[in-house]
Amino acid sequence: MIMRLSKIHHNFFSTFLLLVGVLVSSISCAEPPQVSIELPSGSVTLNKGESLKLIGHATNKSSDIIKGDALLWNSDRDGTLGRGETLEVQLSAGVHTLSLTATSPNGEVSRVFAKVTVVN
């Protein structure tokens, strides 16, 4: 009887460790997306009223492309600029820090930045 109980206890404990290992493994596999801004590249200066083309890309760990509403463009001066891989915007005068935020289907988030100066 003691041997049988020990064997059941051992099997339960082994199964528990296996399940915990799988859970920890799947949690640690989640990684934020890889995000890049193609345009503007580097520091950009433009005149007030000029259009600025924004192009950005993002992929997740599986190299799946993240696009559409999962990509959000913002300016620290003008607020939300729009969503998607490509936008064309006009910014107010001043120095802007633009951000492109990508959200993966699992809810992981990454953000990259670019500087733009708009002169009068």
PDB file of N, CA and C in Angstrom:
ATOM      1  N   MET A   1       0.816  -1.192   0.000  1.00  0.00           N
ATOM      2  CA  MET A   1       0.000   0.000   0.000  1.00  0.00           C
ATOM      3  C   MET A   1       0.864   1.261   0.000  1.00  0.00           C
ATOM      4  N   ILE A   2       1.915   1.292   0.791  1.00  0.00           N
ATOM      5  CA  ILE A   2       2.794   2.452   0.848  1.00  0.00           C
ATOM      6  C   ILE A   2       3.488   2.637  -0.493  1.00  0.00           C
ATOM      7  N   MET A   3       3.908   1.545  -1.115  1.00  0.00           N
ATOM      8  CA  MET A   3       4.563   1.635  -2.406  1.00  0.00           C
ATOM      9  C   MET A   3       3.610   2.209  -3.449  1.00  0.00           C
ATOM     10  N   ARG A   4       2.377   1.769  -3.452  1.00  0.00           N
ATOM     11  CA  ARG A   4       1.386   2.248  -4.407  1.00  0.00           C
ATOM     12  C   ARG A   4       1.129   3.748  -4.205  1.00  0.00           C
ATOM     13  N   LEU A   5       1.013   4.181  -2.980  1.00  0.00           N
ATOM     14  CA  LEU A   5       0.776   5.581  -2.662  1.00  0.00           C
ATOM     15  C   LEU A   5       1.956   6.449  -3.107  1.00  0.00           C
ATOM     16  N   SER A   6       3.161   5.957  -2.865  1.00  0.00           N
ATOM     17  CA  SER A   6       4.345   6.698  -3.277  1.00  0.00           C
ATOM     18  C   SER A   6       4.400   6.847  -4.791  1.00  0.00           C
ATOM     19  N   LYS A   7       4.038   5.781  -5.491  1.00  0.00           N
ATOM     20  CA  LYS A   7       4.054   5.832  -6.949  1.00  0.00           C
ATOM     21  C   LYS A   7       3.021   6.834  -7.467  1.00  0.00           C
ATOM     22  N   ILE A   8       1.833   6.842  -6.879  1.00  0.00           N
ATOM     23  CA  ILE A   8       0.803   7.808  -7.275  1.00  0.00           C
ATOM     24  C   ILE A   8       1.285   9.225  -6.983  1.00  0.00           C
ATOM     25  N   HIS A   9       1.854   9.421  -5.798  1.00  0.00           N
ATOM     26  CA  HIS A   9       2.367  10.739  -5.418  1.00  0.00           C
ATOM     27  C   HIS A   9       3.458  11.177  -6.397  1.00  0.00           C
ATOM     28  N   HIS A  10       4.364  10.273  -6.734  1.00  0.00           N
ATOM     29  CA  HIS A  10       5.445  10.585  -7.663  1.00  0.00           C
ATOM     30  C   HIS A  10       4.895  10.968  -9.037  1.00  0.00           C
ATOM     31  N   ASN A  11       3.926  10.189  -9.556  1.00  0.00           N
ATOM     32  CA  ASN A  11       3.336  10.494 -10.857  1.00  0.00           C
ATOM     33  C   ASN A  11       2.631  11.849 -10.848  1.00  0.00           C
ATOM     34  N   PHE A  12       1.900  12.139  -9.767  1.00  0.00           N
ATOM     35  CA  PHE A  12       1.213  13.429  -9.653  1.00  0.00           C
ATOM     36  C   PHE A  12       2.230  14.570  -9.651  1.00  0.00           C
ATOM     37  N   PHE A  13       3.283  14.422  -8.861  1.00  0.00           N
ATOM     38  CA  PHE A  13       4.300  15.459  -8.760  1.00  0.00           C
ATOM     39  C   PHE A  13       5.004  15.668 -10.102  1.00  0.00           C
ATOM     40  N   SER A  14       5.324  14.589 -10.800  1.00  0.00           N
ATOM     41  CA  SER A  14       5.964  14.693 -12.116  1.00  0.00           C
ATOM     42  C   SER A  14       5.056  15.403 -13.116  1.00  0.00           C
ATOM     43  N   THR A  15       3.766  15.057 -13.101  1.00  0.00           N
ATOM     44  CA  THR A  15       2.807  15.706 -13.991  1.00  0.00           C
ATOM     45  C   THR A  15       2.693  17.186 -13.661  1.00  0.00           C
ATOM     46  N   PHE A  16       2.660  17.506 -12.367  1.00  0.00           N
ATOM     47  CA  PHE A  16       2.578  18.900 -11.930  1.00  0.00           C
ATOM     48  C   PHE A  16       3.793  19.686 -12.431  1.00  0.00           C
ATOM     49  N   LEU A  17       4.989  19.145 -12.270  1.00  0.00           N
ATOM     50  CA  LEU A  17       6.195  19.823 -12.742  1.00  0.00           C
ATOM     51  C   LEU A  17       6.179  20.010 -14.252  1.00  0.00           C
ATOM     52  N   LEU A  18       5.707  19.013 -14.974  1.00  0.00           N
ATOM     53  CA  LEU A  18       5.615  19.109 -16.425  1.00  0.00           C
ATOM     54  C   LEU A  18       4.670  20.240 -16.819  1.00  0.00           C
ATOM     55  N   LEU A  19       3.502  20.307 -16.176  1.00  0.00           N
ATOM     56  CA  LEU A  19       2.537  21.371 -16.488  1.00  0.00           C
ATOM     57  C   LEU A  19       3.085  22.740 -16.137  1.00  0.00           C
ATOM     58  N   VAL A  20       3.752  22.872 -15.005  1.00  0.00           N
ATOM     59  CA  VAL A  20       4.358  24.145 -14.622  1.00  0.00           C
ATOM     60  C   VAL A  20       5.433  24.525 -15.625  1.00  0.00           C
ATOM     61  N   GLY A  21       6.229  23.566 -16.048  1.00  0.00           N
ATOM     62  CA  GLY A  21       7.267  23.842 -17.042  1.00  0.00           C
ATOM     63  C   GLY A  21       6.692  24.332 -18.353  1.00  0.00           C
ATOM     64  N   VAL A  22       5.611  23.729 -18.811  1.00  0.00           N
ATOM     65  CA  VAL A  22       4.953  24.152 -20.050  1.00  0.00           C
ATOM     66  C   VAL A  22       4.400  25.556 -19.884  1.00  0.00           C
ATOM     67  N   LEU A  23       3.771  25.851 -18.745  1.00  0.00           N
ATOM     68  CA  LEU A  23       3.211  27.176 -18.500  1.00  0.00           C
ATOM     69  C   LEU A  23       4.303  28.230 -18.475  1.00  0.00           C
ATOM     70  N   VAL A  24       5.375  27.987 -17.749  1.00  0.00           N
ATOM     71  CA  VAL A  24       6.476  28.942 -17.679  1.00  0.00           C
ATOM     72  C   VAL A  24       7.094  29.124 -19.050  1.00  0.00           C
ATOM     73  N   SER A  25       7.246  28.044 -19.796  1.00  0.00           N
ATOM     74  CA  SER A  25       7.813  28.125 -21.133  1.00  0.00           C
ATOM     75  C   SER A  25       6.957  28.978 -22.052  1.00  0.00           C
ATOM     76  N   SER A  26       5.643  28.810 -22.004  1.00  0.00           N
ATOM     77  CA  SER A  26       4.786  29.588 -22.898  1.00  0.00           C
ATOM     78  C   SER A  26       4.716  31.041 -22.471  1.00  0.00           C
ATOM     79  N   ILE A  27       4.845  31.321 -21.188  1.00  0.00           N
ATOM     80  CA  ILE A  27       4.856  32.712 -20.740  1.00  0.00           C
ATOM     81  C   ILE A  27       6.142  33.391 -21.175  1.00  0.00           C
ATOM     82  N   SER A  28       7.276  32.709 -21.020  1.00  0.00           N
ATOM     83  CA  SER A  28       8.554  33.335 -21.340  1.00  0.00           C
ATOM     84  C   SER A  28       8.797  33.431 -22.843  1.00  0.00           C
ATOM     85  N   CYS A  29       8.013  32.728 -23.669  1.00  0.00           N
ATOM     86  CA  CYS A  29       8.178  32.802 -25.117  1.00  0.00           C
ATOM     87  C   CYS A  29       7.630  34.111 -25.684  1.00  0.00           C
ATOM     88  N   ALA A  30       6.741  34.762 -24.963  1.00  0.00           N
ATOM     89  CA  ALA A  30       6.151  36.003 -25.453  1.00  0.00           C
ATOM     90  C   ALA A  30       7.221  37.081 -25.479  1.00  0.00           C
ATOM     91  N   GLU A  31       7.403  37.678 -26.632  1.00  0.00           N
ATOM     92  CA  GLU A  31       8.372  38.758 -26.793  1.00  0.00           C
ATOM     93  C   GLU A  31       7.696  39.916 -27.481  1.00  0.00           C
ATOM     94  N   PRO A  32       8.107  41.138 -27.152  1.00  0.00           N
ATOM     95  CA  PRO A  32       7.507  42.286 -27.822  1.00  0.00           C
ATOM     96  C   PRO A  32       7.869  42.309 -29.308  1.00  0.00           C
ATOM     97  N   PRO A  33       7.045  42.977 -30.115  1.00  0.00           N
ATOM     98  CA  PRO A  33       7.333  43.055 -31.556  1.00  0.00           C
ATOM     99  C   PRO A  33       8.622  43.824 -31.844  1.00  0.00           C
ATOM    100  N   GLN A  34       9.179  43.565 -33.005  1.00  0.00           N
ATOM    101  CA  GLN A  34      10.309  44.338 -33.519  1.00  0.00           C
ATOM    102  C   GLN A  34       9.725  45.451 -34.380  1.00  0.00           C
ATOM    103  N   VAL A  35      10.014  46.704 -34.044  1.00  0.00           N
ATOM    104  CA  VAL A  35       9.404  47.851 -34.718  1.00  0.00           C
ATOM    105  C   VAL A  35      10.497  48.715 -35.317  1.00  0.00           C
ATOM    106  N   SER A  36      10.234  49.262 -36.508  1.00  0.00           N
ATOM    107  CA  SER A  36      11.188  50.193 -37.123  1.00  0.00           C
ATOM    108  C   SER A  36      10.438  51.285 -37.876  1.00  0.00           C
ATOM    109  N   ILE A  37      11.062  52.455 -37.919  1.00  0.00           N
ATOM    110  CA  ILE A  37      10.545  53.570 -38.715  1.00  0.00           C
ATOM    111  C   ILE A  37      11.447  53.718 -39.930  1.00  0.00           C
ATOM    112  N   GLU A  38      10.871  53.542 -41.103  1.00  0.00           N
ATOM    113  CA  GLU A  38      11.619  53.706 -42.358  1.00  0.00           C
ATOM    114  C   GLU A  38      11.696  55.184 -42.727  1.00  0.00           C
ATOM    115  N   LEU A  39      10.557  55.869 -42.647  1.00  0.00           N
ATOM    116  CA  LEU A  39      10.495  57.314 -42.885  1.00  0.00           C
ATOM    117  C   LEU A  39       9.713  57.966 -41.763  1.00  0.00           C
ATOM    118  N   PRO A  40      10.149  59.066 -41.232  1.00  0.00           N
ATOM    119  CA  PRO A  40      11.365  59.799 -41.580  1.00  0.00           C
ATOM    120  C   PRO A  40      12.606  59.068 -41.060  1.00  0.00           C
ATOM    121  N   SER A  41      13.697  59.205 -41.789  1.00  0.00           N
ATOM    122  CA  SER A  41      14.943  58.580 -41.338  1.00  0.00           C
ATOM    123  C   SER A  41      15.876  59.671 -40.833  1.00  0.00           C
ATOM    124  N   GLY A  42      16.434  59.440 -39.680  1.00  0.00           N
ATOM    125  CA  GLY A  42      17.301  60.446 -39.068  1.00  0.00           C
ATOM    126  C   GLY A  42      16.481  61.642 -38.614  1.00  0.00           C
ATOM    127  N   SER A  43      17.167  62.727 -38.288  1.00  0.00           N
ATOM    128  CA  SER A  43      16.476  63.965 -37.911  1.00  0.00           C
ATOM    129  C   SER A  43      16.059  64.692 -39.172  1.00  0.00           C
ATOM    130  N   VAL A  44      14.803  65.110 -39.226  1.00  0.00           N
ATOM    131  CA  VAL A  44      14.254  65.748 -40.416  1.00  0.00           C
ATOM    132  C   VAL A  44      13.792  67.149 -40.046  1.00  0.00           C
ATOM    133  N   THR A  45      14.061  68.114 -40.948  1.00  0.00           N
ATOM    134  CA  THR A  45      13.547  69.477 -40.801  1.00  0.00           C
ATOM    135  C   THR A  45      12.719  69.794 -42.029  1.00  0.00           C
ATOM    136  N   LEU A  46      11.518  70.326 -41.795  1.00  0.00           N
ATOM    137  CA  LEU A  46      10.674  70.733 -42.916  1.00  0.00           C
ATOM    138  C   LEU A  46       9.926  72.016 -42.570  1.00  0.00           C
ATOM    139  N   ASN A  47       9.362  72.632 -43.590  1.00  0.00           N
ATOM    140  CA  ASN A  47       8.628  73.882 -43.422  1.00  0.00           C
ATOM    141  C   ASN A  47       7.189  73.604 -43.011  1.00  0.00           C
ATOM    142  N   LYS A  48       6.637  74.528 -42.234  1.00  0.00           N
ATOM    143  CA  LYS A  48       5.238  74.408 -41.823  1.00  0.00           C
ATOM    144  C   LYS A  48       4.373  74.313 -43.074  1.00  0.00           C
ATOM    145  N   GLY A  49       3.419  73.408 -43.085  1.00  0.00           N
ATOM    146  CA  GLY A  49       2.543  73.196 -44.235  1.00  0.00           C
ATOM    147  C   GLY A  49       3.005  72.089 -45.152  1.00  0.00           C
ATOM    148  N   GLU A  50       4.275  71.700 -45.050  1.00  0.00           N
ATOM    149  CA  GLU A  50       4.778  70.580 -45.863  1.00  0.00           C
ATOM    150  C   GLU A  50       4.245  69.266 -45.312  1.00  0.00           C
ATOM    151  N   SER A  51       3.966  68.351 -46.229  1.00  0.00           N
ATOM    152  CA  SER A  51       3.533  67.015 -45.818  1.00  0.00           C
ATOM    153  C   SER A  51       4.739  66.169 -45.459  1.00  0.00           C
ATOM    154  N   LEU A  52       4.529  65.313 -44.491  1.00  0.00           N
ATOM    155  CA  LEU A  52       5.567  64.387 -44.062  1.00  0.00           C
ATOM    156  C   LEU A  52       5.028  62.974 -44.211  1.00  0.00           C
ATOM    157  N   LYS A  53       5.761  62.145 -44.943  1.00  0.00           N
ATOM    158  CA  LYS A  53       5.349  60.752 -45.120  1.00  0.00           C
ATOM    159  C   LYS A  53       5.954  59.917 -44.002  1.00  0.00           C
ATOM    160  N   LEU A  54       5.096  59.122 -43.348  1.00  0.00           N
ATOM    161  CA  LEU A  54       5.518  58.217 -42.291  1.00  0.00           C
ATOM    162  C   LEU A  54       5.366  56.781 -42.790  1.00  0.00           C
ATOM    163  N   ILE A  55       6.435  56.009 -42.662  1.00  0.00           N
ATOM    164  CA  ILE A  55       6.392  54.589 -43.029  1.00  0.00           C
ATOM    165  C   ILE A  55       7.034  53.806 -41.894  1.00  0.00           C
ATOM    166  N   GLY A  56       6.314  52.801 -41.408  1.00  0.00           N
ATOM    167  CA  GLY A  56       6.831  51.971 -40.331  1.00  0.00           C
ATOM    168  C   GLY A  56       6.498  50.512 -40.541  1.00  0.00           C
ATOM    169  N   HIS A  57       7.260  49.667 -39.870  1.00  0.00           N
ATOM    170  CA  HIS A  57       7.100  48.218 -39.998  1.00  0.00           C
ATOM    171  C   HIS A  57       7.215  47.561 -38.629  1.00  0.00           C
ATOM    172  N   ALA A  58       6.545  46.434 -38.477  1.00  0.00           N
ATOM    173  CA  ALA A  58       6.674  45.653 -37.244  1.00  0.00           C
ATOM    174  C   ALA A  58       6.418  44.175 -37.539  1.00  0.00           C
ATOM    175  N   THR A  59       7.149  43.336 -36.830  1.00  0.00           N
ATOM    176  CA  THR A  59       6.950  41.892 -36.905  1.00  0.00           C
ATOM    177  C   THR A  59       6.977  41.330 -35.487  1.00  0.00           C
ATOM    178  N   ASN A  60       6.368  40.160 -35.306  1.00  0.00           N
ATOM    179  CA  ASN A  60       6.453  39.500 -34.012  1.00  0.00           C
ATOM    180  C   ASN A  60       7.522  38.424 -34.057  1.00  0.00           C
ATOM    181  N   LYS A  61       7.656  37.666 -32.973  1.00  0.00           N
ATOM    182  CA  LYS A  61       8.711  36.645 -32.870  1.00  0.00           C
ATOM    183  C   LYS A  61       8.635  35.615 -33.995  1.00  0.00           C
ATOM    184  N   SER A  62       7.424  35.333 -34.472  1.00  0.00           N
ATOM    185  CA  SER A  62       7.236  34.350 -35.538  1.00  0.00           C
ATOM    186  C   SER A  62       7.446  34.946 -36.921  1.00  0.00           C
ATOM    187  N   SER A  63       7.938  36.188 -36.976  1.00  0.00           N
ATOM    188  CA  SER A  63       8.137  36.924 -38.231  1.00  0.00           C
ATOM    189  C   SER A  63       6.828  37.233 -38.945  1.00  0.00           C
ATOM    190  N   ASP A  64       5.717  37.210 -38.209  1.00  0.00           N
ATOM    191  CA  ASP A  64       4.441  37.624 -38.777  1.00  0.00           C
ATOM    192  C   ASP A  64       4.420  39.148 -38.827  1.00  0.00           C
ATOM    193  N   ILE A  65       3.923  39.689 -39.926  1.00  0.00           N
ATOM    194  CA  ILE A  65       3.859  41.139 -40.088  1.00  0.00           C
ATOM    195  C   ILE A  65       2.699  41.691 -39.266  1.00  0.00           C
ATOM    196  N   ILE A  66       2.992  42.733 -38.502  1.00  0.00           N
ATOM    197  CA  ILE A  66       1.974  43.435 -37.726  1.00  0.00           C
ATOM    198  C   ILE A  66       1.625  44.687 -38.510  1.00  0.00           C
ATOM    199  N   LYS A  67       0.336  44.893 -38.771  1.00  0.00           N
ATOM    200  CA  LYS A  67      -0.038  46.025 -39.609  1.00  0.00           C
ATOM    201  C   LYS A  67      -1.395  46.588 -39.212  1.00  0.00           C
ATOM    202  N   GLY A  68      -1.829  47.594 -39.945  1.00  0.00           N
ATOM    203  CA  GLY A  68      -3.152  48.180 -39.736  1.00  0.00           C
ATOM    204  C   GLY A  68      -3.284  48.869 -38.390  1.00  0.00           C
ATOM    205  N   ASP A  69      -4.402  48.617 -37.718  1.00  0.00           N
ATOM    206  CA  ASP A  69      -4.704  49.263 -36.450  1.00  0.00           C
ATOM    207  C   ASP A  69      -3.731  48.907 -35.337  1.00  0.00           C
ATOM    208  N   ALA A  70      -2.924  47.868 -35.523  1.00  0.00           N
ATOM    209  CA  ALA A  70      -1.944  47.477 -34.507  1.00  0.00           C
ATOM    210  C   ALA A  70      -0.723  48.395 -34.500  1.00  0.00           C
ATOM    211  N   LEU A  71      -0.646  49.311 -35.467  1.00  0.00           N
ATOM    212  CA  LEU A  71       0.440  50.295 -35.537  1.00  0.00           C
ATOM    213  C   LEU A  71      -0.139  51.682 -35.292  1.00  0.00           C
ATOM    214  N   LEU A  72       0.344  52.355 -34.258  1.00  0.00           N
ATOM    215  CA  LEU A  72      -0.175  53.663 -33.866  1.00  0.00           C
ATOM    216  C   LEU A  72       0.935  54.703 -33.893  1.00  0.00           C
ATOM    217  N   TRP A  73       0.697  55.792 -34.646  1.00  0.00           N
ATOM    218  CA  TRP A  73       1.633  56.908 -34.755  1.00  0.00           C
ATOM    219  C   TRP A  73       1.174  58.041 -33.839  1.00  0.00           C
ATOM    220  N   ASN A  74       2.125  58.629 -33.098  1.00  0.00           N
ATOM    221  CA  ASN A  74       1.841  59.766 -32.221  1.00  0.00           C
ATOM    222  C   ASN A  74       2.939  60.812 -32.336  1.00  0.00           C
ATOM    223  N   SER A  75       2.569  62.042 -32.023  1.00  0.00           N
ATOM    224  CA  SER A  75       3.515  63.149 -31.877  1.00  0.00           C
ATOM    225  C   SER A  75       3.377  63.662 -30.451  1.00  0.00           C
ATOM    226  N   ASP A  76       4.505  63.968 -29.817  1.00  0.00           N
ATOM    227  CA  ASP A  76       4.427  64.507 -28.462  1.00  0.00           C
ATOM    228  C   ASP A  76       3.812  65.908 -28.440  1.00  0.00           C
ATOM    229  N   ARG A  77       3.756  66.590 -29.605  1.00  0.00           N
ATOM    230  CA  ARG A  77       3.153  67.931 -29.694  1.00  0.00           C
ATOM    231  C   ARG A  77       1.712  67.888 -30.210  1.00  0.00           C
ATOM    232  N   ASP A  78       1.472  67.060 -31.221  1.00  0.00           N
ATOM    233  CA  ASP A  78       0.167  67.066 -31.901  1.00  0.00           C
ATOM    234  C   ASP A  78      -0.737  65.894 -31.518  1.00  0.00           C
ATOM    235  N   GLY A  79      -0.258  64.975 -30.697  1.00  0.00           N
ATOM    236  CA  GLY A  79      -1.088  63.848 -30.274  1.00  0.00           C
ATOM    237  C   GLY A  79      -1.132  62.724 -31.306  1.00  0.00           C
ATOM    238  N   THR A  80      -2.247  62.024 -31.344  1.00  0.00           N
ATOM    239  CA  THR A  80      -2.406  60.888 -32.254  1.00  0.00           C
ATOM    240  C   THR A  80      -2.424  61.361 -33.694  1.00  0.00           C
ATOM    241  N   LEU A  81      -1.578  60.731 -34.523  1.00  0.00           N
ATOM    242  CA  LEU A  81      -1.495  61.074 -35.948  1.00  0.00           C
ATOM    243  C   LEU A  81      -2.275  60.097 -36.816  1.00  0.00           C
ATOM    244  N   GLY A  82      -2.404  58.863 -36.370  1.00  0.00           N
ATOM    245  CA  GLY A  82      -3.144  57.868 -37.143  1.00  0.00           C
ATOM    246  C   GLY A  82      -2.604  56.469 -36.917  1.00  0.00           C
ATOM    247  N   ARG A  83      -3.180  55.535 -37.669  1.00  0.00           N
ATOM    248  CA  ARG A  83      -2.804  54.123 -37.563  1.00  0.00           C
ATOM    249  C   ARG A  83      -2.416  53.576 -38.928  1.00  0.00           C
ATOM    250  N   GLY A  84      -1.567  52.574 -38.915  1.00  0.00           N
ATOM    251  CA  GLY A  84      -1.193  51.891 -40.144  1.00  0.00           C
ATOM    252  C   GLY A  84       0.278  52.010 -40.464  1.00  0.00           C
ATOM    253  N   GLU A  85       0.677  51.301 -41.522  1.00  0.00           N
ATOM    254  CA  GLU A  85       2.085  51.283 -41.937  1.00  0.00           C
ATOM    255  C   GLU A  85       2.511  52.583 -42.580  1.00  0.00           C
ATOM    256  N   THR A  86       1.602  53.240 -43.298  1.00  0.00           N
ATOM    257  CA  THR A  86       1.941  54.455 -44.035  1.00  0.00           C
ATOM    258  C   THR A  86       0.918  55.543 -43.746  1.00  0.00           C
ATOM    259  N   LEU A  87       1.424  56.729 -43.456  1.00  0.00           N
ATOM    260  CA  LEU A  87       0.577  57.911 -43.257  1.00  0.00           C
ATOM    261  C   LEU A  87       1.233  59.102 -43.915  1.00  0.00           C
ATOM    262  N   GLU A  88       0.427  60.079 -44.243  1.00  0.00           N
ATOM    263  CA  GLU A  88       0.945  61.373 -44.676  1.00  0.00           C
ATOM    264  C   GLU A  88       0.303  62.412 -43.779  1.00  0.00           C
ATOM    265  N   VAL A  89       1.153  63.223 -43.108  1.00  0.00           N
ATOM    266  CA  VAL A  89       0.659  64.168 -42.107  1.00  0.00           C
ATOM    267  C   VAL A  89       1.281  65.547 -42.298  1.00  0.00           C
ATOM    268  N   GLN A  90       0.638  66.536 -41.701  1.00  0.00           N
ATOM    269  CA  GLN A  90       1.208  67.872 -41.571  1.00  0.00           C
ATOM    270  C   GLN A  90       1.277  68.174 -40.085  1.00  0.00           C
ATOM    271  N   LEU A  91       2.463  68.561 -39.635  1.00  0.00           N
ATOM    272  CA  LEU A  91       2.690  68.800 -38.221  1.00  0.00           C
ATOM    273  C   LEU A  91       2.732  70.292 -37.923  1.00  0.00           C
ATOM    274  N   SER A  92       2.411  70.648 -36.691  1.00  0.00           N
ATOM    275  CA  SER A  92       2.512  72.039 -36.258  1.00  0.00           C
ATOM    276  C   SER A  92       3.986  72.427 -36.134  1.00  0.00           C
ATOM    277  N   ALA A  93       4.250  73.743 -36.082  1.00  0.00           N
ATOM    278  CA  ALA A  93       5.626  74.230 -35.949  1.00  0.00           C
ATOM    279  C   ALA A  93       6.202  73.794 -34.606  1.00  0.00           C
ATOM    280  N   GLY A  94       7.480  73.457 -34.618  1.00  0.00           N
ATOM    281  CA  GLY A  94       8.181  73.058 -33.400  1.00  0.00           C
ATOM    282  C   GLY A  94       8.919  71.749 -33.582  1.00  0.00           C
ATOM    283  N   VAL A  95       9.534  71.308 -32.497  1.00  0.00           N
ATOM    284  CA  VAL A  95      10.275  70.044 -32.500  1.00  0.00           C
ATOM    285  C   VAL A  95       9.342  68.945 -32.007  1.00  0.00           C
ATOM    286  N   HIS A  96       9.228  67.901 -32.791  1.00  0.00           N
ATOM    287  CA  HIS A  96       8.345  66.779 -32.489  1.00  0.00           C
ATOM    288  C   HIS A  96       9.156  65.518 -32.226  1.00  0.00           C
ATOM    289  N   THR A  97       8.715  64.760 -31.248  1.00  0.00           N
ATOM    290  CA  THR A  97       9.181  63.385 -31.095  1.00  0.00           C
ATOM    291  C   THR A  97       8.026  62.516 -31.547  1.00  0.00           C
ATOM    292  N   LEU A  98       8.222  61.843 -32.677  1.00  0.00           N
ATOM    293  CA  LEU A  98       7.201  60.943 -33.201  1.00  0.00           C
ATOM    294  C   LEU A  98       7.441  59.553 -32.633  1.00  0.00           C
ATOM    295  N   SER A  99       6.356  58.853 -32.350  1.00  0.00           N
ATOM    296  CA  SER A  99       6.493  57.470 -31.898  1.00  0.00           C
ATOM    297  C   SER A  99       5.619  56.567 -32.754  1.00  0.00           C
ATOM    298  N   LEU A 100       6.129  55.381 -32.989  1.00  0.00           N
ATOM    299  CA  LEU A 100       5.370  54.324 -33.645  1.00  0.00           C
ATOM    300  C   LEU A 100       5.273  53.182 -32.639  1.00  0.00           C
ATOM    301  N   THR A 101       4.049  52.876 -32.238  1.00  0.00           N
ATOM    302  CA  THR A 101       3.798  51.813 -31.263  1.00  0.00           C
ATOM    303  C   THR A 101       3.153  50.636 -31.974  1.00  0.00           C
ATOM    304  N   ALA A 102       3.729  49.456 -31.786  1.00  0.00           N
ATOM    305  CA  ALA A 102       3.183  48.231 -32.372  1.00  0.00           C
ATOM    306  C   ALA A 102       2.686  47.333 -31.255  1.00  0.00           C
ATOM    307  N   THR A 103       1.491  46.767 -31.459  1.00  0.00           N
ATOM    308  CA  THR A 103       0.913  45.836 -30.494  1.00  0.00           C
ATOM    309  C   THR A 103       0.703  44.495 -31.192  1.00  0.00           C
ATOM    310  N   SER A 104       1.311  43.444 -30.643  1.00  0.00           N
ATOM    311  CA  SER A 104       1.185  42.108 -31.233  1.00  0.00           C
ATOM    312  C   SER A 104      -0.193  41.532 -30.910  1.00  0.00           C
ATOM    313  N   PRO A 105      -0.590  40.470 -31.604  1.00  0.00           N
ATOM    314  CA  PRO A 105      -1.868  39.823 -31.299  1.00  0.00           C
ATOM    315  C   PRO A 105      -1.964  39.337 -29.839  1.00  0.00           C
ATOM    316  N   ASN A 106      -0.807  39.089 -29.198  1.00  0.00           N
ATOM    317  CA  ASN A 106      -0.788  38.647 -27.798  1.00  0.00           C
ATOM    318  C   ASN A 106      -0.799  39.814 -26.821  1.00  0.00           C
ATOM    319  N   GLY A 107      -0.810  41.052 -27.349  1.00  0.00           N
ATOM    320  CA  GLY A 107      -0.843  42.222 -26.478  1.00  0.00           C
ATOM    321  C   GLY A 107       0.516  42.759 -26.082  1.00  0.00           C
ATOM    322  N   GLU A 108       1.599  42.193 -26.630  1.00  0.00           N
ATOM    323  CA  GLU A 108       2.939  42.706 -26.366  1.00  0.00           C
ATOM    324  C   GLU A 108       3.118  44.018 -27.125  1.00  0.00           C
ATOM    325  N   VAL A 109       3.795  44.992 -26.508  1.00  0.00           N
ATOM    326  CA  VAL A 109       3.909  46.327 -27.091  1.00  0.00           C
ATOM    327  C   VAL A 109       5.373  46.738 -27.205  1.00  0.00           C
ATOM    328  N   SER A 110       5.723  47.378 -28.337  1.00  0.00           N
ATOM    329  CA  SER A 110       7.040  47.994 -28.537  1.00  0.00           C
ATOM    330  C   SER A 110       6.839  49.363 -29.165  1.00  0.00           C
ATOM    331  N   ARG A 111       7.810  50.247 -28.919  1.00  0.00           N
ATOM    332  CA  ARG A 111       7.699  51.619 -29.421  1.00  0.00           C
ATOM    333  C   ARG A 111       9.074  52.100 -29.881  1.00  0.00           C
ATOM    334  N   VAL A 112       9.102  52.810 -30.998  1.00  0.00           N
ATOM    335  CA  VAL A 112      10.326  53.446 -31.492  1.00  0.00           C
ATOM    336  C   VAL A 112      10.020  54.918 -31.757  1.00  0.00           C
ATOM    337  N   PHE A 113      11.087  55.726 -31.869  1.00  0.00           N
ATOM    338  CA  PHE A 113      10.925  57.175 -31.953  1.00  0.00           C
ATOM    339  C   PHE A 113      11.726  57.777 -33.095  1.00  0.00           C
ATOM    340  N   ALA A 114      11.262  58.945 -33.554  1.00  0.00           N
ATOM    341  CA  ALA A 114      11.984  59.734 -34.555  1.00  0.00           C
ATOM    342  C   ALA A 114      11.768  61.212 -34.219  1.00  0.00           C
ATOM    343  N   LYS A 115      12.756  62.047 -34.561  1.00  0.00           N
ATOM    344  CA  LYS A 115      12.680  63.492 -34.307  1.00  0.00           C
ATOM    345  C   LYS A 115      12.393  64.227 -35.614  1.00  0.00           C
ATOM    346  N   VAL A 116      11.459  65.187 -35.547  1.00  0.00           N
ATOM    347  CA  VAL A 116      11.131  66.016 -36.706  1.00  0.00           C
ATOM    348  C   VAL A 116      11.013  67.456 -36.214  1.00  0.00           C
ATOM    349  N   THR A 117      11.634  68.374 -36.947  1.00  0.00           N
ATOM    350  CA  THR A 117      11.524  69.794 -36.640  1.00  0.00           C
ATOM    351  C   THR A 117      10.753  70.469 -37.758  1.00  0.00           C
ATOM    352  N   VAL A 118       9.725  71.231 -37.393  1.00  0.00           N
ATOM    353  CA  VAL A 118       8.930  71.978 -38.358  1.00  0.00           C
ATOM    354  C   VAL A 118       9.163  73.467 -38.083  1.00  0.00           C
ATOM    355  N   VAL A 119       9.647  74.175 -39.111  1.00  0.00           N
ATOM    356  CA  VAL A 119       9.936  75.609 -38.960  1.00  0.00           C
ATOM    357  C   VAL A 119       8.870  76.432 -39.679  1.00  0.00           C
ATOM    358  N   ASN A 120       8.659  77.666 -39.195  1.00  0.00           N
ATOM    359  CA  ASN A 120       7.668  78.578 -39.831  1.00  0.00           C
ATOM    360  C   ASN A 120       8.123  79.060 -41.181  1.00  0.00           C
TER     361      ASN A 120
END
